[in-house]
mmCIF file of all heavy atoms, coordinates in Angstrom:
data_MODEL
# 
_entry.id   MODEL 
# 
loop_
_atom_site.group_PDB 
_atom_site.id 
_atom_site.type_symbol 
_atom_site.label_atom_id 
_atom_site.label_alt_id 
_atom_site.label_comp_id 
_atom_site.label_asym_id 
_atom_site.label_entity_id 
_atom_site.label_seq_id 
_atom_site.pdbx_PDB_ins_code 
_atom_site.Cartn_x 
_atom_site.Cartn_y 
_atom_site.Cartn_z 
_atom_site.occupancy 
_atom_site.B_iso_or_equiv 
_atom_site.pdbx_formal_charge 
_atom_site.auth_seq_id 
_atom_site.auth_comp_id 
_atom_site.auth_asym_id 
_atom_site.auth_atom_id 
_atom_site.pdbx_PDB_model_num 
ATOM 1   N N   . GLY A 1 1  ? 138.575 135.140 119.887 1.00 0.00 ? 1  GLY A N   1 
ATOM 2   C CA  . GLY A 1 1  ? 139.267 135.668 120.957 1.00 0.00 ? 1  GLY A CA  1 
ATOM 3   C C   . GLY A 1 1  ? 139.131 137.230 121.154 1.00 0.00 ? 1  GLY A C   1 
ATOM 4   O O   . GLY A 1 1  ? 139.638 137.962 122.051 1.00 0.00 ? 1  GLY A O   1 
ATOM 5   N N   . GLY A 1 2  ? 138.196 137.736 120.455 1.00 0.00 ? 2  GLY A N   1 
ATOM 6   C CA  . GLY A 1 2  ? 138.081 139.250 120.420 1.00 0.00 ? 2  GLY A CA  1 
ATOM 7   C C   . GLY A 1 2  ? 137.268 139.721 121.588 1.00 0.00 ? 2  GLY A C   1 
ATOM 8   O O   . GLY A 1 2  ? 137.376 140.971 121.899 1.00 0.00 ? 2  GLY A O   1 
ATOM 9   N N   . ASN A 1 3  ? 136.508 138.986 122.114 1.00 0.00 ? 3  ASN A N   1 
ATOM 10  C CA  . ASN A 1 3  ? 135.748 139.510 123.346 1.00 0.00 ? 3  ASN A CA  1 
ATOM 11  C C   . ASN A 1 3  ? 135.697 138.335 124.373 1.00 0.00 ? 3  ASN A C   1 
ATOM 12  O O   . ASN A 1 3  ? 135.629 137.128 123.956 1.00 0.00 ? 3  ASN A O   1 
ATOM 13  C CB  . ASN A 1 3  ? 134.469 140.185 123.083 1.00 0.00 ? 3  ASN A CB  1 
ATOM 14  C CG  . ASN A 1 3  ? 133.288 139.277 122.756 1.00 0.00 ? 3  ASN A CG  1 
ATOM 15  O OD1 . ASN A 1 3  ? 133.391 138.496 121.782 1.00 0.00 ? 3  ASN A OD1 1 
ATOM 16  N ND2 . ASN A 1 3  ? 132.367 139.416 123.644 1.00 0.00 ? 3  ASN A ND2 1 
ATOM 17  N N   . THR A 1 4  ? 135.497 138.799 125.636 1.00 0.00 ? 4  THR A N   1 
ATOM 18  C CA  . THR A 1 4  ? 135.372 137.885 126.768 1.00 0.00 ? 4  THR A CA  1 
ATOM 19  C C   . THR A 1 4  ? 134.357 138.371 127.669 1.00 0.00 ? 4  THR A C   1 
ATOM 20  O O   . THR A 1 4  ? 133.871 139.434 127.621 1.00 0.00 ? 4  THR A O   1 
ATOM 21  C CB  . THR A 1 4  ? 136.770 137.720 127.543 1.00 0.00 ? 4  THR A CB  1 
ATOM 22  O OG1 . THR A 1 4  ? 137.106 139.025 127.929 1.00 0.00 ? 4  THR A OG1 1 
ATOM 23  C CG2 . THR A 1 4  ? 137.901 137.242 126.630 1.00 0.00 ? 4  THR A CG2 1 
ATOM 24  N N   . TYR A 1 5  ? 133.902 137.369 128.602 1.00 0.00 ? 5  TYR A N   1 
ATOM 25  C CA  . TYR A 1 5  ? 132.871 137.629 129.575 1.00 0.00 ? 5  TYR A CA  1 
ATOM 26  C C   . TYR A 1 5  ? 133.248 136.764 130.823 1.00 0.00 ? 5  TYR A C   1 
ATOM 27  O O   . TYR A 1 5  ? 133.604 135.806 130.651 1.00 0.00 ? 5  TYR A O   1 
ATOM 28  C CB  . TYR A 1 5  ? 131.574 137.223 129.004 1.00 0.00 ? 5  TYR A CB  1 
ATOM 29  C CG  . TYR A 1 5  ? 130.474 137.576 129.825 1.00 0.00 ? 5  TYR A CG  1 
ATOM 30  C CD1 . TYR A 1 5  ? 129.856 138.862 129.807 1.00 0.00 ? 5  TYR A CD1 1 
ATOM 31  C CD2 . TYR A 1 5  ? 129.746 136.687 130.663 1.00 0.00 ? 5  TYR A CD2 1 
ATOM 32  C CE1 . TYR A 1 5  ? 128.758 139.227 130.574 1.00 0.00 ? 5  TYR A CE1 1 
ATOM 33  C CE2 . TYR A 1 5  ? 128.736 137.070 131.558 1.00 0.00 ? 5  TYR A CE2 1 
ATOM 34  C CZ  . TYR A 1 5  ? 128.241 138.399 131.354 1.00 0.00 ? 5  TYR A CZ  1 
ATOM 35  O OH  . TYR A 1 5  ? 127.189 138.665 132.231 1.00 0.00 ? 5  TYR A OH  1 
ATOM 36  N N   . PHE A 1 6  ? 133.120 137.469 131.978 1.00 0.00 ? 6  PHE A N   1 
ATOM 37  C CA  . PHE A 1 6  ? 133.508 136.917 133.217 1.00 0.00 ? 6  PHE A CA  1 
ATOM 38  C C   . PHE A 1 6  ? 132.431 136.832 134.325 1.00 0.00 ? 6  PHE A C   1 
ATOM 39  O O   . PHE A 1 6  ? 131.633 137.904 134.346 1.00 0.00 ? 6  PHE A O   1 
ATOM 40  C CB  . PHE A 1 6  ? 134.803 137.573 133.824 1.00 0.00 ? 6  PHE A CB  1 
ATOM 41  C CG  . PHE A 1 6  ? 136.046 137.412 132.903 1.00 0.00 ? 6  PHE A CG  1 
ATOM 42  C CD1 . PHE A 1 6  ? 136.342 138.344 131.975 1.00 0.00 ? 6  PHE A CD1 1 
ATOM 43  C CD2 . PHE A 1 6  ? 136.738 136.284 133.130 1.00 0.00 ? 6  PHE A CD2 1 
ATOM 44  C CE1 . PHE A 1 6  ? 137.325 138.273 131.181 1.00 0.00 ? 6  PHE A CE1 1 
ATOM 45  C CE2 . PHE A 1 6  ? 137.913 136.156 132.379 1.00 0.00 ? 6  PHE A CE2 1 
ATOM 46  C CZ  . PHE A 1 6  ? 138.170 137.161 131.285 1.00 0.00 ? 6  PHE A CZ  1 
ATOM 47  N N   . ALA A 1 7  ? 132.361 135.903 135.099 1.00 0.00 ? 7  ALA A N   1 
ATOM 48  C CA  . ALA A 1 7  ? 131.475 135.936 136.259 1.00 0.00 ? 7  ALA A CA  1 
ATOM 49  C C   . ALA A 1 7  ? 132.058 136.968 137.246 1.00 0.00 ? 7  ALA A C   1 
ATOM 50  O O   . ALA A 1 7  ? 133.187 137.356 137.303 1.00 0.00 ? 7  ALA A O   1 
ATOM 51  C CB  . ALA A 1 7  ? 131.578 134.593 137.004 1.00 0.00 ? 7  ALA A CB  1 
ATOM 52  N N   . ASP A 1 8  ? 131.094 137.639 137.937 1.00 0.00 ? 8  ASP A N   1 
ATOM 53  C CA  . ASP A 1 8  ? 131.379 138.630 138.926 1.00 0.00 ? 8  ASP A CA  1 
ATOM 54  C C   . ASP A 1 8  ? 132.525 138.264 139.923 1.00 0.00 ? 8  ASP A C   1 
ATOM 55  O O   . ASP A 1 8  ? 133.387 139.036 140.257 1.00 0.00 ? 8  ASP A O   1 
ATOM 56  C CB  . ASP A 1 8  ? 130.236 139.197 139.524 1.00 0.00 ? 8  ASP A CB  1 
ATOM 57  C CG  . ASP A 1 8  ? 129.379 139.954 138.550 1.00 0.00 ? 8  ASP A CG  1 
ATOM 58  O OD1 . ASP A 1 8  ? 129.830 140.480 137.571 1.00 0.00 ? 8  ASP A OD1 1 
ATOM 59  O OD2 . ASP A 1 8  ? 128.132 140.258 139.046 1.00 0.00 ? 8  ASP A OD2 1 
ATOM 60  N N   . SER A 1 9  ? 132.312 136.916 140.293 1.00 0.00 ? 9  SER A N   1 
ATOM 61  C CA  . SER A 1 9  ? 133.301 136.574 141.315 1.00 0.00 ? 9  SER A CA  1 
ATOM 62  C C   . SER A 1 9  ? 134.670 136.447 140.949 1.00 0.00 ? 9  SER A C   1 
ATOM 63  O O   . SER A 1 9  ? 135.517 136.361 141.798 1.00 0.00 ? 9  SER A O   1 
ATOM 64  C CB  . SER A 1 9  ? 132.810 135.087 141.873 1.00 0.00 ? 9  SER A CB  1 
ATOM 65  O OG  . SER A 1 9  ? 132.745 134.226 140.633 1.00 0.00 ? 9  SER A OG  1 
ATOM 66  N N   . VAL A 1 10 ? 135.058 136.396 139.660 1.00 0.00 ? 10 VAL A N   1 
ATOM 67  C CA  . VAL A 1 10 ? 136.448 136.355 139.325 1.00 0.00 ? 10 VAL A CA  1 
ATOM 68  C C   . VAL A 1 10 ? 136.895 137.570 138.396 1.00 0.00 ? 10 VAL A C   1 
ATOM 69  O O   . VAL A 1 10 ? 138.001 137.611 138.126 1.00 0.00 ? 10 VAL A O   1 
ATOM 70  C CB  . VAL A 1 10 ? 136.681 134.989 138.358 1.00 0.00 ? 10 VAL A CB  1 
ATOM 71  C CG1 . VAL A 1 10 ? 136.240 133.873 139.090 1.00 0.00 ? 10 VAL A CG1 1 
ATOM 72  C CG2 . VAL A 1 10 ? 135.940 135.147 136.979 1.00 0.00 ? 10 VAL A CG2 1 
ATOM 73  N N   . LYS A 1 11 ? 135.948 138.444 138.197 1.00 0.00 ? 11 LYS A N   1 
ATOM 74  C CA  . LYS A 1 11 ? 136.272 139.628 137.310 1.00 0.00 ? 11 LYS A CA  1 
ATOM 75  C C   . LYS A 1 11 ? 137.487 140.302 137.942 1.00 0.00 ? 11 LYS A C   1 
ATOM 76  O O   . LYS A 1 11 ? 137.319 140.708 139.176 1.00 0.00 ? 11 LYS A O   1 
ATOM 77  C CB  . LYS A 1 11 ? 135.024 140.478 137.166 1.00 0.00 ? 11 LYS A CB  1 
ATOM 78  C CG  . LYS A 1 11 ? 135.044 141.441 136.006 1.00 0.00 ? 11 LYS A CG  1 
ATOM 79  C CD  . LYS A 1 11 ? 133.773 142.122 135.920 1.00 0.00 ? 11 LYS A CD  1 
ATOM 80  C CE  . LYS A 1 11 ? 132.607 141.078 135.372 1.00 0.00 ? 11 LYS A CE  1 
ATOM 81  N NZ  . LYS A 1 11 ? 131.291 141.678 135.206 1.00 0.00 ? 11 LYS A NZ  1 
ATOM 82  N N   . GLY A 1 12 ? 138.478 140.926 137.286 1.00 0.00 ? 12 GLY A N   1 
ATOM 83  C CA  . GLY A 1 12 ? 139.521 141.460 137.767 1.00 0.00 ? 12 GLY A CA  1 
ATOM 84  C C   . GLY A 1 12 ? 140.672 140.591 138.243 1.00 0.00 ? 12 GLY A C   1 
ATOM 85  O O   . GLY A 1 12 ? 141.759 141.072 138.466 1.00 0.00 ? 12 GLY A O   1 
ATOM 86  N N   . ARG A 1 13 ? 140.324 139.298 138.441 1.00 0.00 ? 13 ARG A N   1 
ATOM 87  C CA  . ARG A 1 13 ? 141.426 138.366 138.993 1.00 0.00 ? 13 ARG A CA  1 
ATOM 88  C C   . ARG A 1 13 ? 141.736 137.352 137.898 1.00 0.00 ? 13 ARG A C   1 
ATOM 89  O O   . ARG A 1 13 ? 142.937 136.953 137.847 1.00 0.00 ? 13 ARG A O   1 
ATOM 90  C CB  . ARG A 1 13 ? 140.854 137.667 140.137 1.00 0.00 ? 13 ARG A CB  1 
ATOM 91  C CG  . ARG A 1 13 ? 140.683 138.561 141.362 1.00 0.00 ? 13 ARG A CG  1 
ATOM 92  C CD  . ARG A 1 13 ? 140.321 137.739 142.633 1.00 0.00 ? 13 ARG A CD  1 
ATOM 93  N NE  . ARG A 1 13 ? 139.206 136.913 142.468 1.00 0.00 ? 13 ARG A NE  1 
ATOM 94  C CZ  . ARG A 1 13 ? 139.173 135.553 142.677 1.00 0.00 ? 13 ARG A CZ  1 
ATOM 95  N NH1 . ARG A 1 13 ? 140.337 134.910 142.901 1.00 0.00 ? 13 ARG A NH1 1 
ATOM 96  N NH2 . ARG A 1 13 ? 138.089 134.904 142.660 1.00 0.00 ? 13 ARG A NH2 1 
ATOM 97  N N   . PHE A 1 14 ? 140.802 136.938 137.093 1.00 0.00 ? 14 PHE A N   1 
ATOM 98  C CA  . PHE A 1 14 ? 140.929 135.841 136.084 1.00 0.00 ? 14 PHE A CA  1 
ATOM 99  C C   . PHE A 1 14 ? 140.989 136.616 134.715 1.00 0.00 ? 14 PHE A C   1 
ATOM 100 O O   . PHE A 1 14 ? 140.209 137.499 134.420 1.00 0.00 ? 14 PHE A O   1 
ATOM 101 C CB  . PHE A 1 14 ? 139.882 134.873 136.105 1.00 0.00 ? 14 PHE A CB  1 
ATOM 102 C CG  . PHE A 1 14 ? 139.931 133.963 137.295 1.00 0.00 ? 14 PHE A CG  1 
ATOM 103 C CD1 . PHE A 1 14 ? 140.847 134.250 138.419 1.00 0.00 ? 14 PHE A CD1 1 
ATOM 104 C CD2 . PHE A 1 14 ? 139.142 132.775 137.400 1.00 0.00 ? 14 PHE A CD2 1 
ATOM 105 C CE1 . PHE A 1 14 ? 140.711 133.369 139.608 1.00 0.00 ? 14 PHE A CE1 1 
ATOM 106 C CE2 . PHE A 1 14 ? 139.058 131.956 138.295 1.00 0.00 ? 14 PHE A CE2 1 
ATOM 107 C CZ  . PHE A 1 14 ? 139.923 132.247 139.453 1.00 0.00 ? 14 PHE A CZ  1 
ATOM 108 N N   . THR A 1 15 ? 141.766 136.043 133.711 1.00 0.00 ? 15 THR A N   1 
ATOM 109 C CA  . THR A 1 15 ? 141.659 136.392 132.439 1.00 0.00 ? 15 THR A CA  1 
ATOM 110 C C   . THR A 1 15 ? 141.681 135.081 131.499 1.00 0.00 ? 15 THR A C   1 
ATOM 111 O O   . THR A 1 15 ? 142.055 134.036 132.092 1.00 0.00 ? 15 THR A O   1 
ATOM 112 C CB  . THR A 1 15 ? 142.850 137.347 131.913 1.00 0.00 ? 15 THR A CB  1 
ATOM 113 O OG1 . THR A 1 15 ? 144.025 136.416 132.132 1.00 0.00 ? 15 THR A OG1 1 
ATOM 114 C CG2 . THR A 1 15 ? 142.819 138.580 132.668 1.00 0.00 ? 15 THR A CG2 1 
ATOM 115 N N   . THR A 1 16 ? 141.139 135.181 130.295 1.00 0.00 ? 16 THR A N   1 
ATOM 116 C CA  . THR A 1 16 ? 141.093 133.984 129.461 1.00 0.00 ? 16 THR A CA  1 
ATOM 117 C C   . THR A 1 16 ? 141.597 134.434 128.094 1.00 0.00 ? 16 THR A C   1 
ATOM 118 O O   . THR A 1 16 ? 141.251 135.634 127.779 1.00 0.00 ? 16 THR A O   1 
ATOM 119 C CB  . THR A 1 16 ? 139.705 133.391 129.474 1.00 0.00 ? 16 THR A CB  1 
ATOM 120 O OG1 . THR A 1 16 ? 139.778 132.128 128.761 1.00 0.00 ? 16 THR A OG1 1 
ATOM 121 C CG2 . THR A 1 16 ? 138.739 134.273 128.806 1.00 0.00 ? 16 THR A CG2 1 
ATOM 122 N N   . SER A 1 17 ? 142.230 133.592 127.341 1.00 0.00 ? 17 SER A N   1 
ATOM 123 C CA  . SER A 1 17 ? 142.852 133.966 126.079 1.00 0.00 ? 17 SER A CA  1 
ATOM 124 C C   . SER A 1 17 ? 142.828 132.536 125.327 1.00 0.00 ? 17 SER A C   1 
ATOM 125 O O   . SER A 1 17 ? 142.533 131.459 125.852 1.00 0.00 ? 17 SER A O   1 
ATOM 126 C CB  . SER A 1 17 ? 144.141 134.487 126.222 1.00 0.00 ? 17 SER A CB  1 
ATOM 127 O OG  . SER A 1 17 ? 145.087 133.623 126.786 1.00 0.00 ? 17 SER A OG  1 
ATOM 128 N N   . ARG A 1 18 ? 143.011 132.714 124.006 1.00 0.00 ? 18 ARG A N   1 
ATOM 129 C CA  . ARG A 1 18 ? 143.134 131.553 123.153 1.00 0.00 ? 18 ARG A CA  1 
ATOM 130 C C   . ARG A 1 18 ? 144.208 131.698 122.130 1.00 0.00 ? 18 ARG A C   1 
ATOM 131 O O   . ARG A 1 18 ? 144.459 132.890 121.700 1.00 0.00 ? 18 ARG A O   1 
ATOM 132 C CB  . ARG A 1 18 ? 141.699 131.209 122.451 1.00 0.00 ? 18 ARG A CB  1 
ATOM 133 C CG  . ARG A 1 18 ? 141.225 132.279 121.474 1.00 0.00 ? 18 ARG A CG  1 
ATOM 134 C CD  . ARG A 1 18 ? 139.778 131.946 121.154 1.00 0.00 ? 18 ARG A CD  1 
ATOM 135 N NE  . ARG A 1 18 ? 139.618 130.616 120.480 1.00 0.00 ? 18 ARG A NE  1 
ATOM 136 C CZ  . ARG A 1 18 ? 138.544 130.007 120.292 1.00 0.00 ? 18 ARG A CZ  1 
ATOM 137 N NH1 . ARG A 1 18 ? 137.374 130.535 120.824 1.00 0.00 ? 18 ARG A NH1 1 
ATOM 138 N NH2 . ARG A 1 18 ? 138.379 128.902 119.520 1.00 0.00 ? 18 ARG A NH2 1 
ATOM 139 N N   . ASP A 1 19 ? 144.683 130.519 121.636 1.00 0.00 ? 19 ASP A N   1 
ATOM 140 C CA  . ASP A 1 19 ? 145.831 130.497 120.651 1.00 0.00 ? 19 ASP A CA  1 
ATOM 141 C C   . ASP A 1 19 ? 145.169 129.609 119.629 1.00 0.00 ? 19 ASP A C   1 
ATOM 142 O O   . ASP A 1 19 ? 145.375 128.277 119.752 1.00 0.00 ? 19 ASP A O   1 
ATOM 143 C CB  . ASP A 1 19 ? 147.002 130.094 121.182 1.00 0.00 ? 19 ASP A CB  1 
ATOM 144 C CG  . ASP A 1 19 ? 148.149 130.181 120.192 1.00 0.00 ? 19 ASP A CG  1 
ATOM 145 O OD1 . ASP A 1 19 ? 147.830 130.082 118.869 1.00 0.00 ? 19 ASP A OD1 1 
ATOM 146 O OD2 . ASP A 1 19 ? 149.247 130.238 120.490 1.00 0.00 ? 19 ASP A OD2 1 
ATOM 147 N N   . ASN A 1 20 ? 144.502 130.044 118.502 1.00 0.00 ? 20 ASN A N   1 
ATOM 148 C CA  . ASN A 1 20 ? 143.814 129.122 117.514 1.00 0.00 ? 20 ASN A CA  1 
ATOM 149 C C   . ASN A 1 20 ? 144.796 128.279 116.803 1.00 0.00 ? 20 ASN A C   1 
ATOM 150 O O   . ASN A 1 20 ? 144.553 127.336 116.325 1.00 0.00 ? 20 ASN A O   1 
ATOM 151 C CB  . ASN A 1 20 ? 142.996 129.958 116.753 1.00 0.00 ? 20 ASN A CB  1 
ATOM 152 C CG  . ASN A 1 20 ? 141.638 130.325 117.434 1.00 0.00 ? 20 ASN A CG  1 
ATOM 153 O OD1 . ASN A 1 20 ? 141.343 129.903 118.478 1.00 0.00 ? 20 ASN A OD1 1 
ATOM 154 N ND2 . ASN A 1 20 ? 140.883 131.187 116.787 1.00 0.00 ? 20 ASN A ND2 1 
ATOM 155 N N   . ALA A 1 21 ? 146.061 128.812 116.819 1.00 0.00 ? 21 ALA A N   1 
ATOM 156 C CA  . ALA A 1 21 ? 147.192 127.984 116.051 1.00 0.00 ? 21 ALA A CA  1 
ATOM 157 C C   . ALA A 1 21 ? 147.504 126.868 116.788 1.00 0.00 ? 21 ALA A C   1 
ATOM 158 O O   . ALA A 1 21 ? 147.878 125.786 116.130 1.00 0.00 ? 21 ALA A O   1 
ATOM 159 C CB  . ALA A 1 21 ? 148.318 128.934 115.821 1.00 0.00 ? 21 ALA A CB  1 
ATOM 160 N N   . LYS A 1 22 ? 147.325 126.970 118.130 1.00 0.00 ? 22 LYS A N   1 
ATOM 161 C CA  . LYS A 1 22 ? 147.647 125.816 118.941 1.00 0.00 ? 22 LYS A CA  1 
ATOM 162 C C   . LYS A 1 22 ? 146.392 125.035 119.481 1.00 0.00 ? 22 LYS A C   1 
ATOM 163 O O   . LYS A 1 22 ? 146.550 124.069 120.207 1.00 0.00 ? 22 LYS A O   1 
ATOM 164 C CB  . LYS A 1 22 ? 148.561 126.226 120.245 1.00 0.00 ? 22 LYS A CB  1 
ATOM 165 C CG  . LYS A 1 22 ? 149.864 126.864 119.836 1.00 0.00 ? 22 LYS A CG  1 
ATOM 166 C CD  . LYS A 1 22 ? 150.650 127.268 121.110 1.00 0.00 ? 22 LYS A CD  1 
ATOM 167 C CE  . LYS A 1 22 ? 151.927 127.794 120.732 1.00 0.00 ? 22 LYS A CE  1 
ATOM 168 N NZ  . LYS A 1 22 ? 152.733 128.226 121.921 1.00 0.00 ? 22 LYS A NZ  1 
ATOM 169 N N   . ASN A 1 23 ? 145.280 125.509 119.044 1.00 0.00 ? 23 ASN A N   1 
ATOM 170 C CA  . ASN A 1 23 ? 144.024 124.794 119.335 1.00 0.00 ? 23 ASN A CA  1 
ATOM 171 C C   . ASN A 1 23 ? 143.974 124.883 120.967 1.00 0.00 ? 23 ASN A C   1 
ATOM 172 O O   . ASN A 1 23 ? 143.483 123.724 121.586 1.00 0.00 ? 23 ASN A O   1 
ATOM 173 C CB  . ASN A 1 23 ? 143.931 123.369 118.882 1.00 0.00 ? 23 ASN A CB  1 
ATOM 174 C CG  . ASN A 1 23 ? 143.498 123.440 117.373 1.00 0.00 ? 23 ASN A CG  1 
ATOM 175 O OD1 . ASN A 1 23 ? 143.550 124.483 116.780 1.00 0.00 ? 23 ASN A OD1 1 
ATOM 176 N ND2 . ASN A 1 23 ? 143.296 122.286 116.859 1.00 0.00 ? 23 ASN A ND2 1 
ATOM 177 N N   . THR A 1 24 ? 144.314 125.857 121.660 1.00 0.00 ? 24 THR A N   1 
ATOM 178 C CA  . THR A 1 24 ? 144.383 125.857 122.969 1.00 0.00 ? 24 THR A CA  1 
ATOM 179 C C   . THR A 1 24 ? 143.726 127.227 123.567 1.00 0.00 ? 24 THR A C   1 
ATOM 180 O O   . THR A 1 24 ? 143.967 128.220 123.130 1.00 0.00 ? 24 THR A O   1 
ATOM 181 C CB  . THR A 1 24 ? 145.804 125.679 123.560 1.00 0.00 ? 24 THR A CB  1 
ATOM 182 O OG1 . THR A 1 24 ? 146.311 124.465 123.067 1.00 0.00 ? 24 THR A OG1 1 
ATOM 183 C CG2 . THR A 1 24 ? 145.852 125.624 125.088 1.00 0.00 ? 24 THR A CG2 1 
ATOM 184 N N   . ILE A 1 25 ? 143.089 126.928 124.742 1.00 0.00 ? 25 ILE A N   1 
ATOM 185 C CA  . ILE A 1 25 ? 142.663 128.206 125.472 1.00 0.00 ? 25 ILE A CA  1 
ATOM 186 C C   . ILE A 1 25 ? 143.321 128.144 126.860 1.00 0.00 ? 25 ILE A C   1 
ATOM 187 O O   . ILE A 1 25 ? 143.591 127.144 127.277 1.00 0.00 ? 25 ILE A O   1 
ATOM 188 C CB  . ILE A 1 25 ? 141.124 128.346 125.561 1.00 0.00 ? 25 ILE A CB  1 
ATOM 189 C CG1 . ILE A 1 25 ? 140.499 127.205 126.415 1.00 0.00 ? 25 ILE A CG1 1 
ATOM 190 C CG2 . ILE A 1 25 ? 140.443 128.423 124.182 1.00 0.00 ? 25 ILE A CG2 1 
ATOM 191 C CD1 . ILE A 1 25 ? 138.950 127.555 126.797 1.00 0.00 ? 25 ILE A CD1 1 
# 
């Protein structure tokens, strides 16, 4: 979860995260 990468079309509008304890992104 330490780094992320986005398509230009969604940059600034979308974020992504993960919770490895819950096995969920």
